[in-house]
PDB file of N, CA and C in Angstrom:
ATOM      1  N   MET A   1     -29.696 -14.548  12.983  1.00  0.00           N
ATOM      2  CA  MET A   1     -28.937 -13.408  12.545  1.00  0.00           C
ATOM      3  C   MET A   1     -29.871 -12.270  12.122  1.00  0.00           C
ATOM      4  N   GLU A   2     -30.979 -12.625  11.494  1.00  0.00           N
ATOM      5  CA  GLU A   2     -31.937 -11.598  11.074  1.00  0.00           C
ATOM      6  C   GLU A   2     -32.493 -10.837  12.279  1.00  0.00           C
ATOM      7  N   THR A   3     -32.713 -11.541  13.372  1.00  0.00           N
ATOM      8  CA  THR A   3     -33.218 -10.896  14.585  1.00  0.00           C
ATOM      9  C   THR A   3     -32.216  -9.876  15.107  1.00  0.00           C
ATOM     10  N   LYS A   4     -30.936 -10.223  15.063  1.00  0.00           N
ATOM     11  CA  LYS A   4     -29.889  -9.300  15.513  1.00  0.00           C
ATOM     12  C   LYS A   4     -29.869  -8.046  14.645  1.00  0.00           C
ATOM     13  N   ILE A   5     -29.927  -8.242  13.340  1.00  0.00           N
ATOM     14  CA  ILE A   5     -29.874  -7.107  12.411  1.00  0.00           C
ATOM     15  C   ILE A   5     -31.098  -6.218  12.583  1.00  0.00           C
ATOM     16  N   GLU A   6     -32.263  -6.829  12.708  1.00  0.00           N
ATOM     17  CA  GLU A   6     -33.482  -6.045  12.905  1.00  0.00           C
ATOM     18  C   GLU A   6     -33.421  -5.252  14.207  1.00  0.00           C
ATOM     19  N   ALA A   7     -32.842  -5.826  15.244  1.00  0.00           N
ATOM     20  CA  ALA A   7     -32.702  -5.109  16.516  1.00  0.00           C
ATOM     21  C   ALA A   7     -31.762  -3.915  16.359  1.00  0.00           C
ATOM     22  N   ILE A   8     -30.661  -4.103  15.659  1.00  0.00           N
ATOM     23  CA  ILE A   8     -29.719  -2.999  15.425  1.00  0.00           C
ATOM     24  C   ILE A   8     -30.416  -1.875  14.668  1.00  0.00           C
ATOM     25  N   VAL A   9     -31.117  -2.238  13.607  1.00  0.00           N
ATOM     26  CA  VAL A   9     -31.757  -1.234  12.753  1.00  0.00           C
ATOM     27  C   VAL A   9     -32.889  -0.512  13.479  1.00  0.00           C
ATOM     28  N   THR A  10     -33.749  -1.246  14.163  1.00  0.00           N
ATOM     29  CA  THR A  10     -34.925  -0.613  14.773  1.00  0.00           C
ATOM     30  C   THR A  10     -34.643   0.009  16.137  1.00  0.00           C
ATOM     31  N   LYS A  11     -33.832  -0.645  16.953  1.00  0.00           N
ATOM     32  CA  LYS A  11     -33.606  -0.142  18.314  1.00  0.00           C
ATOM     33  C   LYS A  11     -32.440   0.832  18.421  1.00  0.00           C
ATOM     34  N   THR A  12     -31.434   0.663  17.572  1.00  0.00           N
ATOM     35  CA  THR A  12     -30.256   1.532  17.658  1.00  0.00           C
ATOM     36  C   THR A  12     -30.282   2.640  16.617  1.00  0.00           C
ATOM     37  N   TYR A  13     -30.582   2.285  15.368  1.00  0.00           N
ATOM     38  CA  TYR A  13     -30.532   3.268  14.284  1.00  0.00           C
ATOM     39  C   TYR A  13     -31.823   4.060  14.100  1.00  0.00           C
ATOM     40  N   GLY A  14     -32.946   3.572  14.623  1.00  0.00           N
ATOM     41  CA  GLY A  14     -34.218   4.270  14.445  1.00  0.00           C
ATOM     42  C   GLY A  14     -34.929   3.944  13.147  1.00  0.00           C
ATOM     43  N   GLY A  15     -34.505   2.879  12.493  1.00  0.00           N
ATOM     44  CA  GLY A  15     -35.139   2.470  11.243  1.00  0.00           C
ATOM     45  C   GLY A  15     -36.432   1.717  11.480  1.00  0.00           C
ATOM     46  N   ALA A  16     -37.158   1.489  10.393  1.00  0.00           N
ATOM     47  CA  ALA A  16     -38.437   0.785  10.478  1.00  0.00           C
ATOM     48  C   ALA A  16     -38.298  -0.699  10.178  1.00  0.00           C
ATOM     49  N   LYS A  17     -37.457  -1.030   9.179  1.00  0.00           N
ATOM     50  CA  LYS A  17     -37.341  -2.438   8.799  1.00  0.00           C
ATOM     51  C   LYS A  17     -36.058  -2.685   8.022  1.00  0.00           C
ATOM     52  N   VAL A  18     -35.835  -3.965   7.725  1.00  0.00           N
ATOM     53  CA  VAL A  18     -34.651  -4.402   6.985  1.00  0.00           C
ATOM     54  C   VAL A  18     -35.114  -5.133   5.735  1.00  0.00           C
ATOM     55  N   SER A  19     -34.458  -4.842   4.628  1.00  0.00           N
ATOM     56  CA  SER A  19     -34.714  -5.528   3.367  1.00  0.00           C
ATOM     57  C   SER A  19     -33.443  -6.283   2.985  1.00  0.00           C
ATOM     58  N   TYR A  20     -33.605  -7.510   2.484  1.00  0.00           N
ATOM     59  CA  TYR A  20     -32.463  -8.337   2.112  1.00  0.00           C
ATOM     60  C   TYR A  20     -32.500  -8.631   0.619  1.00  0.00           C
ATOM     61  N   SER A  21     -31.355  -8.498  -0.043  1.00  0.00           N
ATOM     62  CA  SER A  21     -31.268  -8.878  -1.454  1.00  0.00           C
ATOM     63  C   SER A  21     -31.393 -10.398  -1.552  1.00  0.00           C
ATOM     64  N   ALA A  22     -31.598 -10.885  -2.766  1.00  0.00           N
ATOM     65  CA  ALA A  22     -31.682 -12.335  -2.979  1.00  0.00           C
ATOM     66  C   ALA A  22     -30.379 -13.006  -2.540  1.00  0.00           C
ATOM     67  N   LYS A  23     -29.251 -12.370  -2.843  1.00  0.00           N
ATOM     68  CA  LYS A  23     -27.954 -12.929  -2.444  1.00  0.00           C
ATOM     69  C   LYS A  23     -27.846 -13.009  -0.923  1.00  0.00           C
ATOM     70  N   ALA A  24     -28.243 -11.951  -0.236  1.00  0.00           N
ATOM     71  CA  ALA A  24     -28.172 -11.934   1.228  1.00  0.00           C
ATOM     72  C   ALA A  24     -29.067 -13.018   1.831  1.00  0.00           C
ATOM     73  N   LYS A  25     -30.237 -13.230   1.254  1.00  0.00           N
ATOM     74  CA  LYS A  25     -31.140 -14.273   1.751  1.00  0.00           C
ATOM     75  C   LYS A  25     -30.517 -15.659   1.591  1.00  0.00           C
ATOM     76  N   ARG A  26     -29.873 -15.885   0.444  1.00  0.00           N
ATOM     77  CA  ARG A  26     -29.190 -17.172   0.230  1.00  0.00           C
ATOM     78  C   ARG A  26     -28.060 -17.347   1.237  1.00  0.00           C
ATOM     79  N   GLN A  27     -27.320 -16.273   1.468  1.00  0.00           N
ATOM     80  CA  GLN A  27     -26.213 -16.348   2.419  1.00  0.00           C
ATOM     81  C   GLN A  27     -26.709 -16.651   3.831  1.00  0.00           C
ATOM     82  N   LEU A  28     -27.824 -16.060   4.226  1.00  0.00           N
ATOM     83  CA  LEU A  28     -28.380 -16.330   5.554  1.00  0.00           C
ATOM     84  C   LEU A  28     -28.668 -17.820   5.728  1.00  0.00           C
ATOM     85  N   LYS A  29     -29.222 -18.438   4.702  1.00  0.00           N
ATOM     86  CA  LYS A  29     -29.512 -19.874   4.765  1.00  0.00           C
ATOM     87  C   LYS A  29     -28.221 -20.684   4.871  1.00  0.00           C
ATOM     88  N   THR A  30     -27.229 -20.301   4.083  1.00  0.00           N
ATOM     89  CA  THR A  30     -25.941 -20.994   4.118  1.00  0.00           C
ATOM     90  C   THR A  30     -25.281 -20.845   5.482  1.00  0.00           C
ATOM     91  N   PHE A  31     -25.310 -19.644   6.026  1.00  0.00           N
ATOM     92  CA  PHE A  31     -24.685 -19.396   7.328  1.00  0.00           C
ATOM     93  C   PHE A  31     -25.359 -20.219   8.424  1.00  0.00           C
ATOM     94  N   ALA A  32     -26.674 -20.342   8.347  1.00  0.00           N
ATOM     95  CA  ALA A  32     -27.395 -21.152   9.336  1.00  0.00           C
ATOM     96  C   ALA A  32     -26.966 -22.617   9.231  1.00  0.00           C
ATOM     97  N   LYS A  33     -26.820 -23.118   8.009  1.00  0.00           N
ATOM     98  CA  LYS A  33     -26.383 -24.504   7.814  1.00  0.00           C
ATOM     99  C   LYS A  33     -24.967 -24.721   8.330  1.00  0.00           C
ATOM    100  N   GLN A  34     -24.119 -23.702   8.178  1.00  0.00           N
ATOM    101  CA  GLN A  34     -22.731 -23.794   8.623  1.00  0.00           C
ATOM    102  C   GLN A  34     -22.588 -23.572  10.137  1.00  0.00           C
ATOM    103  N   GLY A  35     -23.655 -23.105  10.774  1.00  0.00           N
ATOM    104  CA  GLY A  35     -23.598 -22.823  12.203  1.00  0.00           C
ATOM    105  C   GLY A  35     -23.004 -21.462  12.525  1.00  0.00           C
ATOM    106  N   TRP A  36     -22.979 -20.588  11.537  1.00  0.00           N
ATOM    107  CA  TRP A  36     -22.399 -19.257  11.735  1.00  0.00           C
ATOM    108  C   TRP A  36     -23.433 -18.227  12.176  1.00  0.00           C
ATOM    109  N   ASP A  37     -24.691 -18.595  12.225  1.00  0.00           N
ATOM    110  CA  ASP A  37     -25.747 -17.628  12.531  1.00  0.00           C
ATOM    111  C   ASP A  37     -25.709 -17.133  13.973  1.00  0.00           C
ATOM    112  N   HIS A  38     -24.894 -17.741  14.813  1.00  0.00           N
ATOM    113  CA  HIS A  38     -24.754 -17.282  16.200  1.00  0.00           C
ATOM    114  C   HIS A  38     -23.711 -16.169  16.338  1.00  0.00           C
ATOM    115  N   LEU A  39     -22.928 -15.930  15.284  1.00  0.00           N
ATOM    116  CA  LEU A  39     -21.840 -14.947  15.360  1.00  0.00           C
ATOM    117  C   LEU A  39     -22.371 -13.518  15.462  1.00  0.00           C
ATOM    118  N   PRO A  40     -21.602 -12.628  16.083  1.00  0.00           N
ATOM    119  CA  PRO A  40     -21.986 -11.213  16.124  1.00  0.00           C
ATOM    120  C   PRO A  40     -22.021 -10.621  14.714  1.00  0.00           C
ATOM    121  N   VAL A  41     -22.783  -9.552  14.561  1.00  0.00           N
ATOM    122  CA  VAL A  41     -22.938  -8.895  13.267  1.00  0.00           C
ATOM    123  C   VAL A  41     -22.356  -7.487  13.340  1.00  0.00           C
ATOM    124  N   CYS A  42     -21.588  -7.134  12.330  1.00  0.00           N
ATOM    125  CA  CYS A  42     -21.060  -5.780  12.166  1.00  0.00           C
ATOM    126  C   CYS A  42     -21.760  -5.170  10.958  1.00  0.00           C
ATOM    127  N   MET A  43     -22.381  -4.020  11.145  1.00  0.00           N
ATOM    128  CA  MET A  43     -23.095  -3.363  10.054  1.00  0.00           C
ATOM    129  C   MET A  43     -22.153  -2.401   9.331  1.00  0.00           C
ATOM    130  N   ALA A  44     -21.972  -2.589   8.032  1.00  0.00           N
ATOM    131  CA  ALA A  44     -21.167  -1.682   7.211  1.00  0.00           C
ATOM    132  C   ALA A  44     -22.132  -0.805   6.426  1.00  0.00           C
ATOM    133  N   LYS A  45     -22.129   0.491   6.748  1.00  0.00           N
ATOM    134  CA  LYS A  45     -23.067   1.423   6.124  1.00  0.00           C
ATOM    135  C   LYS A  45     -22.391   2.768   5.946  1.00  0.00           C
ATOM    136  N   THR A  46     -23.084   3.703   5.352  1.00  0.00           N
ATOM    137  CA  THR A  46     -22.524   5.036   5.157  1.00  0.00           C
ATOM    138  C   THR A  46     -22.210   5.709   6.489  1.00  0.00           C
ATOM    139  N   GLN A  47     -21.176   6.523   6.495  1.00  0.00           N
ATOM    140  CA  GLN A  47     -20.829   7.261   7.710  1.00  0.00           C
ATOM    141  C   GLN A  47     -21.664   8.527   7.867  1.00  0.00           C
ATOM    142  N   TYR A  48     -22.442   8.875   6.860  1.00  0.00           N
ATOM    143  CA  TYR A  48     -23.194  10.123   6.877  1.00  0.00           C
ATOM    144  C   TYR A  48     -24.567  10.017   7.530  1.00  0.00           C
ATOM    145  N   SER A  49     -25.019   8.805   7.774  1.00  0.00           N
ATOM    146  CA  SER A  49     -26.383   8.616   8.245  1.00  0.00           C
ATOM    147  C   SER A  49     -26.494   7.324   9.039  1.00  0.00           C
ATOM    148  N   LEU A  50     -27.492   7.263   9.903  1.00  0.00           N
ATOM    149  CA  LEU A  50     -27.789   5.996  10.562  1.00  0.00           C
ATOM    150  C   LEU A  50     -28.503   5.044   9.610  1.00  0.00           C
ATOM    151  N   SER A  51     -28.934   5.556   8.467  1.00  0.00           N
ATOM    152  CA  SER A  51     -29.522   4.713   7.426  1.00  0.00           C
ATOM    153  C   SER A  51     -28.399   4.226   6.511  1.00  0.00           C
ATOM    154  N   ASP A  52     -28.763   3.578   5.411  1.00  0.00           N
ATOM    155  CA  ASP A  52     -27.756   3.198   4.421  1.00  0.00           C
ATOM    156  C   ASP A  52     -27.742   4.170   3.243  1.00  0.00           C
ATOM    157  N   ASN A  53     -28.460   5.275   3.382  1.00  0.00           N
ATOM    158  CA  ASN A  53     -28.571   6.280   2.325  1.00  0.00           C
ATOM    159  C   ASN A  53     -27.739   7.507   2.712  1.00  0.00           C
ATOM    160  N   PRO A  54     -26.627   7.768   2.019  1.00  0.00           N
ATOM    161  CA  PRO A  54     -25.771   8.895   2.393  1.00  0.00           C
ATOM    162  C   PRO A  54     -26.439  10.259   2.234  1.00  0.00           C
ATOM    163  N   LYS A  55     -27.538  10.328   1.501  1.00  0.00           N
ATOM    164  CA  LYS A  55     -28.251  11.600   1.332  1.00  0.00           C
ATOM    165  C   LYS A  55     -29.273  11.842   2.441  1.00  0.00           C
ATOM    166  N   LEU A  56     -29.546  10.826   3.219  1.00  0.00           N
ATOM    167  CA  LEU A  56     -30.476  10.927   4.342  1.00  0.00           C
ATOM    168  C   LEU A  56     -29.631  11.195   5.590  1.00  0.00           C
ATOM    169  N   LEU A  57     -29.177  12.426   5.716  1.00  0.00           N
ATOM    170  CA  LEU A  57     -28.163  12.791   6.706  1.00  0.00           C
ATOM    171  C   LEU A  57     -28.624  12.660   8.154  1.00  0.00           C
ATOM    172  N   GLY A  58     -27.639  12.402   9.009  1.00  0.00           N
ATOM    173  CA  GLY A  58     -27.874  12.417  10.445  1.00  0.00           C
ATOM    174  C   GLY A  58     -28.587  11.195  10.980  1.00  0.00           C
ATOM    175  N   ALA A  59     -29.607  11.470  11.789  1.00  0.00           N
ATOM    176  CA  ALA A  59     -30.340  10.409  12.478  1.00  0.00           C
ATOM    177  C   ALA A  59     -31.807  10.406  12.056  1.00  0.00           C
ATOM    178  N   PRO A  60     -32.079  10.013  10.820  1.00  0.00           N
ATOM    179  CA  PRO A  60     -33.467   9.956  10.366  1.00  0.00           C
ATOM    180  C   PRO A  60     -34.207   8.812  11.066  1.00  0.00           C
ATOM    181  N   THR A  61     -35.500   8.745  10.873  1.00  0.00           N
ATOM    182  CA  THR A  61     -36.287   7.645  11.443  1.00  0.00           C
ATOM    183  C   THR A  61     -37.193   7.061  10.367  1.00  0.00           C
ATOM    184  N   GLY A  62     -37.631   5.827  10.613  1.00  0.00           N
ATOM    185  CA  GLY A  62     -38.612   5.199   9.740  1.00  0.00           C
ATOM    186  C   GLY A  62     -38.099   4.696   8.407  1.00  0.00           C
ATOM    187  N   PHE A  63     -36.818   4.602   8.216  1.00  0.00           N
ATOM    188  CA  PHE A  63     -36.239   4.172   6.944  1.00  0.00           C
ATOM    189  C   PHE A  63     -36.073   2.654   6.896  1.00  0.00           C
ATOM    190  N   THR A  64     -35.763   2.153   5.714  1.00  0.00           N
ATOM    191  CA  THR A  64     -35.465   0.737   5.511  1.00  0.00           C
ATOM    192  C   THR A  64     -33.982   0.592   5.211  1.00  0.00           C
ATOM    193  N   ILE A  65     -33.314  -0.290   5.917  1.00  0.00           N
ATOM    194  CA  ILE A  65     -31.906  -0.615   5.625  1.00  0.00           C
ATOM    195  C   ILE A  65     -31.910  -1.767   4.631  1.00  0.00           C
ATOM    196  N   ASN A  66     -31.113  -1.634   3.583  1.00  0.00           N
ATOM    197  CA  ASN A  66     -31.021  -2.658   2.544  1.00  0.00           C
ATOM    198  C   ASN A  66     -29.706  -3.416   2.680  1.00  0.00           C
ATOM    199  N   VAL A  67     -29.797  -4.673   3.084  1.00  0.00           N
ATOM    200  CA  VAL A  67     -28.608  -5.522   3.200  1.00  0.00           C
ATOM    201  C   VAL A  67     -28.413  -6.205   1.857  1.00  0.00           C
ATOM    202  N   ARG A  68     -27.299  -5.902   1.198  1.00  0.00           N
ATOM    203  CA  ARG A  68     -27.074  -6.474  -0.135  1.00  0.00           C
ATOM    204  C   ARG A  68     -26.306  -7.785  -0.091  1.00  0.00           C
ATOM    205  N   GLU A  69     -25.405  -7.917   0.906  1.00  0.00           N
ATOM    206  CA  GLU A  69     -24.671  -9.173   1.053  1.00  0.00           C
ATOM    207  C   GLU A  69     -23.961  -9.203   2.393  1.00  0.00           C
ATOM    208  N   PHE A  70     -23.442 -10.372   2.720  1.00  0.00           N
ATOM    209  CA  PHE A  70     -22.705 -10.569   3.962  1.00  0.00           C
ATOM    210  C   PHE A  70     -21.284 -11.005   3.643  1.00  0.00           C
ATOM    211  N   VAL A  71     -20.366 -10.610   4.510  1.00  0.00           N
ATOM    212  CA  VAL A  71     -18.976 -11.041   4.387  1.00  0.00           C
ATOM    213  C   VAL A  71     -18.578 -11.673   5.713  1.00  0.00           C
ATOM    214  N   PRO A  72     -18.380 -12.992   5.722  1.00  0.00           N
ATOM    215  CA  PRO A  72     -17.961 -13.634   6.966  1.00  0.00           C
ATOM    216  C   PRO A  72     -16.498 -13.323   7.270  1.00  0.00           C
ATOM    217  N   LYS A  73     -16.234 -12.955   8.481  1.00  0.00           N
ATOM    218  CA  LYS A  73     -14.867 -12.729   8.974  1.00  0.00           C
ATOM    219  C   LYS A  73     -14.646 -13.758  10.079  1.00  0.00           C
ATOM    220  N   LEU A  74     -14.519 -15.001   9.664  1.00  0.00           N
ATOM    221  CA  LEU A  74     -14.528 -16.113  10.608  1.00  0.00           C
ATOM    222  C   LEU A  74     -13.322 -16.118  11.535  1.00  0.00           C
ATOM    223  N   GLY A  75     -12.179 -15.674  11.048  1.00  0.00           N
ATOM    224  CA  GLY A  75     -11.005 -15.600  11.914  1.00  0.00           C
ATOM    225  C   GLY A  75     -11.221 -14.635  13.063  1.00  0.00           C
ATOM    226  N   ALA A  76     -11.920 -13.548  12.775  1.00  0.00           N
ATOM    227  CA  ALA A  76     -12.222 -12.548  13.798  1.00  0.00           C
ATOM    228  C   ALA A  76     -13.486 -12.904  14.569  1.00  0.00           C
ATOM    229  N   GLY A  77     -14.299 -13.802  14.010  1.00  0.00           N
ATOM    230  CA  GLY A  77     -15.482 -14.274  14.716  1.00  0.00           C
ATOM    231  C   GLY A  77     -16.717 -13.413  14.567  1.00  0.00           C
ATOM    232  N   PHE A  78     -16.909 -12.795  13.397  1.00  0.00           N
ATOM    233  CA  PHE A  78     -18.136 -12.033  13.176  1.00  0.00           C
ATOM    234  C   PHE A  78     -18.502 -12.027  11.699  1.00  0.00           C
ATOM    235  N   ILE A  79     -19.709 -11.548  11.411  1.00  0.00           N
ATOM    236  CA  ILE A  79     -20.220 -11.433  10.049  1.00  0.00           C
ATOM    237  C   ILE A  79     -20.466  -9.954   9.760  1.00  0.00           C
ATOM    238  N   VAL A  80     -20.012  -9.478   8.602  1.00  0.00           N
ATOM    239  CA  VAL A  80     -20.243  -8.093   8.201  1.00  0.00           C
ATOM    240  C   VAL A  80     -21.441  -8.050   7.259  1.00  0.00           C
ATOM    241  N   ALA A  81     -22.414  -7.208   7.587  1.00  0.00           N
ATOM    242  CA  ALA A  81     -23.565  -6.983   6.715  1.00  0.00           C
ATOM    243  C   ALA A  81     -23.283  -5.730   5.895  1.00  0.00           C
ATOM    244  N   LEU A  82     -23.138  -5.890   4.582  1.00  0.00           N
ATOM    245  CA  LEU A  82     -22.901  -4.751   3.696  1.00  0.00           C
ATOM    246  C   LEU A  82     -24.246  -4.165   3.294  1.00  0.00           C
ATOM    247  N   THR A  83     -24.416  -2.874   3.535  1.00  0.00           N
ATOM    248  CA  THR A  83     -25.689  -2.219   3.245  1.00  0.00           C
ATOM    249  C   THR A  83     -25.514  -1.153   2.175  1.00  0.00           C
ATOM    250  N   GLY A  84     -26.577  -0.895   1.437  1.00  0.00           N
ATOM    251  CA  GLY A  84     -26.541   0.150   0.423  1.00  0.00           C
ATOM    252  C   GLY A  84     -25.370  -0.015  -0.526  1.00  0.00           C
ATOM    253  N   ASN A  85     -24.728   1.108  -0.851  1.00  0.00           N
ATOM    254  CA  ASN A  85     -23.587   1.092  -1.772  1.00  0.00           C
ATOM    255  C   ASN A  85     -22.258   1.245  -1.052  1.00  0.00           C
ATOM    256  N   VAL A  86     -22.204   0.863   0.202  1.00  0.00           N
ATOM    257  CA  VAL A  86     -20.992   1.039   0.999  1.00  0.00           C
ATOM    258  C   VAL A  86     -19.823   0.256   0.390  1.00  0.00           C
ATOM    259  N   LEU A  87     -18.653   0.871   0.465  1.00  0.00           N
ATOM    260  CA  LEU A  87     -17.417   0.220   0.050  1.00  0.00           C
ATOM    261  C   LEU A  87     -16.593  -0.041   1.299  1.00  0.00           C
ATOM    262  N   THR A  88     -15.905  -1.150   1.319  1.00  0.00           N
ATOM    263  CA  THR A  88     -15.054  -1.447   2.466  1.00  0.00           C
ATOM    264  C   THR A  88     -13.595  -1.335   2.055  1.00  0.00           C
ATOM    265  N   MET A  89     -12.759  -1.088   3.029  1.00  0.00           N
ATOM    266  CA  MET A  89     -11.323  -0.986   2.773  1.00  0.00           C
ATOM    267  C   MET A  89     -10.767  -2.390   2.545  1.00  0.00           C
ATOM    268  N   PRO A  90      -9.763  -2.492   1.685  1.00  0.00           N
ATOM    269  CA  PRO A  90      -9.162  -3.814   1.479  1.00  0.00           C
ATOM    270  C   PRO A  90      -8.404  -4.257   2.727  1.00  0.00           C
ATOM    271  N   GLY A  91      -8.321  -5.533   2.906  1.00  0.00           N
ATOM    272  CA  GLY A  91      -7.580  -6.074   4.036  1.00  0.00           C
ATOM    273  C   GLY A  91      -6.086  -6.065   3.763  1.00  0.00           C
ATOM    274  N   LEU A  92      -5.340  -6.459   4.735  1.00  0.00           N
ATOM    275  CA  LEU A  92      -3.894  -6.522   4.575  1.00  0.00           C
ATOM    276  C   LEU A  92      -3.497  -7.765   3.785  1.00  0.00           C
ATOM    277  N   PRO A  93      -2.379  -7.685   3.065  1.00  0.00           N
ATOM    278  CA  PRO A  93      -1.883  -8.876   2.377  1.00  0.00           C
ATOM    279  C   PRO A  93      -1.342  -9.878   3.397  1.00  0.00           C
ATOM    280  N   LYS A  94      -0.970 -11.045   2.937  1.00  0.00           N
ATOM    281  CA  LYS A  94      -0.444 -12.067   3.846  1.00  0.00           C
ATOM    282  C   LYS A  94       0.814 -11.588   4.561  1.00  0.00           C
ATOM    283  N   HIS A  95       1.588 -10.761   3.888  1.00  0.00           N
ATOM    284  CA  HIS A  95       2.812 -10.230   4.489  1.00  0.00           C
ATOM    285  C   HIS A  95       2.783  -8.702   4.375  1.00  0.00           C
ATOM    286  N   PRO A  96       2.219  -7.996   5.370  1.00  0.00           N
ATOM    287  CA  PRO A  96       2.134  -6.536   5.310  1.00  0.00           C
ATOM    288  C   PRO A  96       3.516  -5.886   5.230  1.00  0.00           C
ATOM    289  N   ALA A  97       3.618  -4.794   4.483  1.00  0.00           N
ATOM    290  CA  ALA A  97       4.884  -4.082   4.310  1.00  0.00           C
ATOM    291  C   ALA A  97       5.457  -3.614   5.645  1.00  0.00           C
ATOM    292  N   ALA A  98       4.597  -3.330   6.604  1.00  0.00           N
ATOM    293  CA  ALA A  98       5.063  -2.846   7.907  1.00  0.00           C
ATOM    294  C   ALA A  98       5.979  -3.849   8.604  1.00  0.00           C
ATOM    295  N   LEU A  99       5.837  -5.116   8.286  1.00  0.00           N
ATOM    296  CA  LEU A  99       6.687  -6.126   8.907  1.00  0.00           C
ATOM    297  C   LEU A  99       8.143  -6.009   8.471  1.00  0.00           C
ATOM    298  N   ASP A 100       8.382  -5.363   7.337  1.00  0.00           N
ATOM    299  CA  ASP A 100       9.747  -5.200   6.831  1.00  0.00           C
ATOM    300  C   ASP A 100      10.342  -3.838   7.178  1.00  0.00           C
ATOM    301  N   MET A 101       9.606  -3.018   7.896  1.00  0.00           N
ATOM    302  CA  MET A 101      10.101  -1.691   8.268  1.00  0.00           C
ATOM    303  C   MET A 101      10.779  -1.750   9.627  1.00  0.00           C
ATOM    304  N   ASP A 102      11.784  -0.889   9.773  1.00  0.00           N
ATOM    305  CA  ASP A 102      12.514  -0.859  11.039  1.00  0.00           C
ATOM    306  C   ASP A 102      13.146   0.515  11.213  1.00  0.00           C
ATOM    307  N   ILE A 103      13.514   0.817  12.426  1.00  0.00           N
ATOM    308  CA  ILE A 103      14.241   2.045  12.732  1.00  0.00           C
ATOM    309  C   ILE A 103      15.368   1.681  13.694  1.00  0.00           C
ATOM    310  N   THR A 104      16.550   2.156  13.370  1.00  0.00           N
ATOM    311  CA  THR A 104      17.715   1.842  14.199  1.00  0.00           C
ATOM    312  C   THR A 104      17.778   2.787  15.390  1.00  0.00           C
ATOM    313  N   ASP A 105      18.671   2.490  16.316  1.00  0.00           N
ATOM    314  CA  ASP A 105      18.835   3.338  17.502  1.00  0.00           C
ATOM    315  C   ASP A 105      19.247   4.759  17.145  1.00  0.00           C
ATOM    316  N   ASP A 106      19.956   4.911  16.013  1.00  0.00           N
ATOM    317  CA  ASP A 106      20.379   6.257  15.610  1.00  0.00           C
ATOM    318  C   ASP A 106      19.367   6.941  14.688  1.00  0.00           C
ATOM    319  N   GLY A 107      18.162   6.352  14.539  1.00  0.00           N
ATOM    320  CA  GLY A 107      17.077   6.993  13.800  1.00  0.00           C
ATOM    321  C   GLY A 107      17.019   6.692  12.319  1.00  0.00           C
ATOM    322  N   LYS A 108      17.831   5.774  11.828  1.00  0.00           N
ATOM    323  CA  LYS A 108      17.799   5.431  10.406  1.00  0.00           C
ATOM    324  C   LYS A 108      16.637   4.470  10.145  1.00  0.00           C
ATOM    325  N   ILE A 109      15.824   4.839   9.160  1.00  0.00           N
ATOM    326  CA  ILE A 109      14.646   4.039   8.822  1.00  0.00           C
ATOM    327  C   ILE A 109      14.966   3.156   7.628  1.00  0.00           C
ATOM    328  N   SER A 110      14.554   1.905   7.702  1.00  0.00           N
ATOM    329  CA  SER A 110      14.737   0.989   6.576  1.00  0.00           C
ATOM    330  C   SER A 110      13.417   0.288   6.278  1.00  0.00           C
ATOM    331  N   GLY A 111      13.317  -0.229   5.062  1.00  0.00           N
ATOM    332  CA  GLY A 111      12.151  -1.000   4.682  1.00  0.00           C
ATOM    333  C   GLY A 111      10.996  -0.202   4.114  1.00  0.00           C
ATOM    334  N   LEU A 112      11.192   1.108   3.919  1.00  0.00           N
ATOM    335  CA  LEU A 112      10.133   1.903   3.295  1.00  0.00           C
ATOM    336  C   LEU A 112      10.164   1.690   1.795  1.00  0.00           C
ATOM    337  N   PHE A 113       9.110   2.018   1.150  1.00  0.00           N
ATOM    338  CA  PHE A 113       9.000   1.800  -0.299  1.00  0.00           C
ATOM    339  C   PHE A 113      10.002   2.611  -1.067  1.00  0.00           C
TER     340      PHE A 113
END
């Protein structure tokens, strides 16, 4: 998995290297034991830069990406690498509200909050 992340950072983003927090390093070992290290990796980072630093705008080069932790999305079949201070959107509840919404043939909407 580290090889995949390093390739993304150096070949795609233009970075120099990857740094892993202690938690991320522990997770990498656990994922290897679980057999999850073959899964694809999704990088979660700032939208403002190819780095994980939102103040380093655009497409800088030579930076270090800091992976703070990983979030396995096993149902979807990939691992998310959380970098820097990125926040992710919450997932859907077990029963999304959209499942209770409907519109009739005459245009009446039901199931809204």
